[in-house]
Amino acid sequence: PFTNEIPYKERSISSEVHPIDLETQLSITAIYIYIYALLQSEMQLQDQLLLEKLLQLHASMQELKVECAYWESSDPSRETIRARARSSSEDMGAPVPTGGSAPSLKGETSRRNSIP
């Protein structure tokens, strides 16, 4: 006859630890050493690529500094405009007190404030 019950047999789980033979231990150790060597060589390759990229970026920055210096010195009548860092209130979209005679933007909203 058909029943809805699933047969269940109690099984005892052995807590015995079976020793691994020496050949298996050596194989596992060799695999770990091989994986370690692969990971180490991969990390060295990534380090080398990152270092090369950093050196390229550094060279580009130096070229830009030289070019900026050339353009700043080529026209002495031109007023040098220096970039300044944003304050934290600018990053939040709040107006920054200038302390000078800058025109007020009352009634106007910043583009940053219009973003939800």
C-alpha atoms as a PDB file:
ATOM      1  CA  PRO A   1       0.000   0.000   0.000  1.00  0.00           C
ATOM      2  CA  PHE A   2       1.022   3.632  -0.667  1.00  0.00           C
ATOM      3  CA  THR A   3       1.883   5.851   2.327  1.00  0.00           C
ATOM      4  CA  ASN A   4       2.905   9.486   2.602  1.00  0.00           C
ATOM      5  CA  GLU A   5       5.609   8.710   5.109  1.00  0.00           C
ATOM      6  CA  ILE A   6       9.233   8.758   4.060  1.00  0.00           C
ATOM      7  CA  PRO A   7      11.181   5.814   5.442  1.00  0.00           C
ATOM      8  CA  TYR A   8      13.865   6.945   7.867  1.00  0.00           C
ATOM      9  CA  LYS A   9      16.767   4.932   9.160  1.00  0.00           C
ATOM     10  CA  GLU A  10      18.868   6.189  11.966  1.00  0.00           C
ATOM     11  CA  ARG A  11      22.478   6.298  10.998  1.00  0.00           C
ATOM     12  CA  SER A  12      25.298   6.799  13.381  1.00  0.00           C
ATOM     13  CA  ILE A  13      27.899   9.267  12.226  1.00  0.00           C
ATOM     14  CA  SER A  14      31.396   8.116  12.908  1.00  0.00           C
ATOM     15  CA  SER A  15      33.608  10.599  14.684  1.00  0.00           C
ATOM     16  CA  GLU A  16      36.704   8.625  13.869  1.00  0.00           C
ATOM     17  CA  VAL A  17      39.460  10.406  11.997  1.00  0.00           C
ATOM     18  CA  HIS A  18      41.063   8.255   9.386  1.00  0.00           C
ATOM     19  CA  PRO A  19      44.727   8.990   8.785  1.00  0.00           C
ATOM     20  CA  ILE A  20      45.752   9.976   5.272  1.00  0.00           C
ATOM     21  CA  ASP A  21      48.573   7.995   3.784  1.00  0.00           C
ATOM     22  CA  LEU A  22      51.908   9.687   3.123  1.00  0.00           C
ATOM     23  CA  GLU A  23      51.508   9.704  -0.661  1.00  0.00           C
ATOM     24  CA  THR A  24      48.186  11.581  -0.417  1.00  0.00           C
ATOM     25  CA  GLN A  25      49.670  14.069   2.058  1.00  0.00           C
ATOM     26  CA  LEU A  26      52.590  14.736  -0.288  1.00  0.00           C
ATOM     27  CA  SER A  27      50.208  15.202  -3.226  1.00  0.00           C
ATOM     28  CA  ILE A  28      48.090  17.690  -1.292  1.00  0.00           C
ATOM     29  CA  THR A  29      51.198  19.570  -0.147  1.00  0.00           C
ATOM     30  CA  ALA A  30      52.509  19.721  -3.722  1.00  0.00           C
ATOM     31  CA  ILE A  31      49.170  21.120  -4.917  1.00  0.00           C
ATOM     32  CA  TYR A  32      49.215  23.812  -2.208  1.00  0.00           C
ATOM     33  CA  ILE A  33      52.782  24.787  -3.119  1.00  0.00           C
ATOM     34  CA  TYR A  34      51.865  24.965  -6.808  1.00  0.00           C
ATOM     35  CA  ILE A  35      48.790  27.127  -6.131  1.00  0.00           C
ATOM     36  CA  TYR A  36      50.819  29.412  -3.855  1.00  0.00           C
ATOM     37  CA  ALA A  37      53.469  29.857  -6.560  1.00  0.00           C
ATOM     38  CA  LEU A  38      50.790  30.672  -9.146  1.00  0.00           C
ATOM     39  CA  LEU A  39      49.155  33.239  -6.890  1.00  0.00           C
ATOM     40  CA  GLN A  40      52.489  34.790  -6.016  1.00  0.00           C
ATOM     41  CA  SER A  41      53.509  35.151  -9.674  1.00  0.00           C
ATOM     42  CA  GLU A  42      50.079  36.611 -10.527  1.00  0.00           C
ATOM     43  CA  MET A  43      50.419  39.193  -7.751  1.00  0.00           C
ATOM     44  CA  GLN A  44      53.915  40.113  -8.946  1.00  0.00           C
ATOM     45  CA  LEU A  45      52.583  40.592 -12.477  1.00  0.00           C
ATOM     46  CA  GLN A  46      49.753  42.797 -11.221  1.00  0.00           C
ATOM     47  CA  ASP A  47      52.212  44.807  -9.106  1.00  0.00           C
ATOM     48  CA  GLN A  48      54.431  45.337 -12.150  1.00  0.00           C
ATOM     49  CA  LEU A  49      51.480  46.473 -14.293  1.00  0.00           C
ATOM     50  CA  LEU A  50      50.309  48.876 -11.592  1.00  0.00           C
ATOM     51  CA  LEU A  51      53.809  50.290 -11.214  1.00  0.00           C
ATOM     52  CA  GLU A  52      54.098  50.848 -14.975  1.00  0.00           C
ATOM     53  CA  LYS A  53      50.717  52.625 -15.024  1.00  0.00           C
ATOM     54  CA  LEU A  54      51.747  54.786 -12.080  1.00  0.00           C
ATOM     55  CA  LEU A  55      54.969  55.775 -13.843  1.00  0.00           C
ATOM     56  CA  GLN A  56      52.997  56.644 -17.005  1.00  0.00           C
ATOM     57  CA  LEU A  57      50.613  58.806 -14.996  1.00  0.00           C
ATOM     58  CA  HIS A  58      53.518  60.509 -13.251  1.00  0.00           C
ATOM     59  CA  ALA A  59      55.191  61.274 -16.600  1.00  0.00           C
ATOM     60  CA  SER A  60      51.901  62.681 -17.945  1.00  0.00           C
ATOM     61  CA  MET A  61      51.538  64.906 -14.880  1.00  0.00           C
ATOM     62  CA  GLN A  62      55.076  66.211 -15.357  1.00  0.00           C
ATOM     63  CA  GLU A  63      54.345  66.998 -19.028  1.00  0.00           C
ATOM     64  CA  LEU A  64      51.182  68.862 -18.051  1.00  0.00           C
ATOM     65  CA  LYS A  65      53.071  70.875 -15.435  1.00  0.00           C
ATOM     66  CA  VAL A  66      55.664  71.883 -18.032  1.00  0.00           C
ATOM     67  CA  GLU A  67      52.946  72.830 -20.532  1.00  0.00           C
ATOM     68  CA  CYS A  68      51.054  74.862 -17.915  1.00  0.00           C
ATOM     69  CA  ALA A  69      54.232  76.667 -16.909  1.00  0.00           C
ATOM     70  CA  TYR A  70      54.906  77.481 -20.574  1.00  0.00           C
ATOM     71  CA  TRP A  71      51.442  78.945 -21.149  1.00  0.00           C
ATOM     72  CA  GLU A  72      51.485  80.878 -17.875  1.00  0.00           C
ATOM     73  CA  SER A  73      54.856  82.422 -18.667  1.00  0.00           C
ATOM     74  CA  SER A  74      54.163  83.071 -22.376  1.00  0.00           C
ATOM     75  CA  ASP A  75      51.565  85.806 -21.734  1.00  0.00           C
ATOM     76  CA  PRO A  76      52.567  87.921 -18.733  1.00  0.00           C
ATOM     77  CA  SER A  77      49.605  90.302 -19.266  1.00  0.00           C
ATOM     78  CA  ARG A  78      47.223  87.421 -18.719  1.00  0.00           C
ATOM     79  CA  GLU A  79      46.064  87.067 -15.152  1.00  0.00           C
ATOM     80  CA  THR A  80      46.930  83.675 -13.719  1.00  0.00           C
ATOM     81  CA  ILE A  81      43.854  81.827 -12.532  1.00  0.00           C
ATOM     82  CA  ARG A  82      44.648  79.205  -9.991  1.00  0.00           C
ATOM     83  CA  ALA A  83      42.302  76.319  -9.315  1.00  0.00           C
ATOM     84  CA  ARG A  84      41.186  75.977  -5.728  1.00  0.00           C
ATOM     85  CA  ALA A  85      39.890  73.018  -3.828  1.00  0.00           C
ATOM     86  CA  ARG A  86      36.175  72.813  -3.159  1.00  0.00           C
ATOM     87  CA  SER A  87      35.016  73.252   0.362  1.00  0.00           C
ATOM     88  CA  SER A  88      32.760  70.661   1.917  1.00  0.00           C
ATOM     89  CA  SER A  89      29.786  73.031   1.729  1.00  0.00           C
ATOM     90  CA  GLU A  90      30.261  73.339  -2.046  1.00  0.00           C
ATOM     91  CA  ASP A  91      30.191  69.580  -2.346  1.00  0.00           C
ATOM     92  CA  MET A  92      26.853  69.547  -0.530  1.00  0.00           C
ATOM     93  CA  GLY A  93      25.353  72.158  -2.873  1.00  0.00           C
ATOM     94  CA  ALA A  94      25.194  74.871  -0.207  1.00  0.00           C
ATOM     95  CA  PRO A  95      26.421  78.364  -1.086  1.00  0.00           C
ATOM     96  CA  VAL A  96      29.945  79.150   0.021  1.00  0.00           C
ATOM     97  CA  PRO A  97      30.562  82.474   1.749  1.00  0.00           C
ATOM     98  CA  THR A  98      33.152  84.253  -0.374  1.00  0.00           C
ATOM     99  CA  GLY A  99      33.852  87.142   1.955  1.00  0.00           C
ATOM    100  CA  GLY A 100      34.470  89.343  -1.067  1.00  0.00           C
ATOM    101  CA  SER A 101      32.343  91.520  -3.294  1.00  0.00           C
ATOM    102  CA  ALA A 102      31.070  88.666  -5.446  1.00  0.00           C
ATOM    103  CA  PRO A 103      27.555  89.160  -6.827  1.00  0.00           C
ATOM    104  CA  SER A 104      24.853  87.374  -4.885  1.00  0.00           C
ATOM    105  CA  LEU A 105      22.837  84.612  -6.542  1.00  0.00           C
ATOM    106  CA  LYS A 106      19.666  85.185  -4.494  1.00  0.00           C
ATOM    107  CA  GLY A 107      16.635  83.578  -6.077  1.00  0.00           C
ATOM    108  CA  GLU A 108      18.777  81.344  -8.309  1.00  0.00           C
ATOM    109  CA  THR A 109      19.466  77.722  -7.593  1.00  0.00           C
ATOM    110  CA  SER A 110      22.630  75.848  -8.286  1.00  0.00           C
ATOM    111  CA  ARG A 111      22.618  73.006 -10.808  1.00  0.00           C
ATOM    112  CA  ARG A 112      23.701  70.682  -8.026  1.00  0.00           C
ATOM    113  CA  ASN A 113      20.599  71.584  -6.016  1.00  0.00           C
ATOM    114  CA  SER A 114      18.323  70.597  -8.895  1.00  0.00           C
ATOM    115  CA  ILE A 115      19.543  67.001  -8.907  1.00  0.00           C
ATOM    116  CA  PRO A 116      17.323  64.730  -6.783  1.00  0.00           C
END
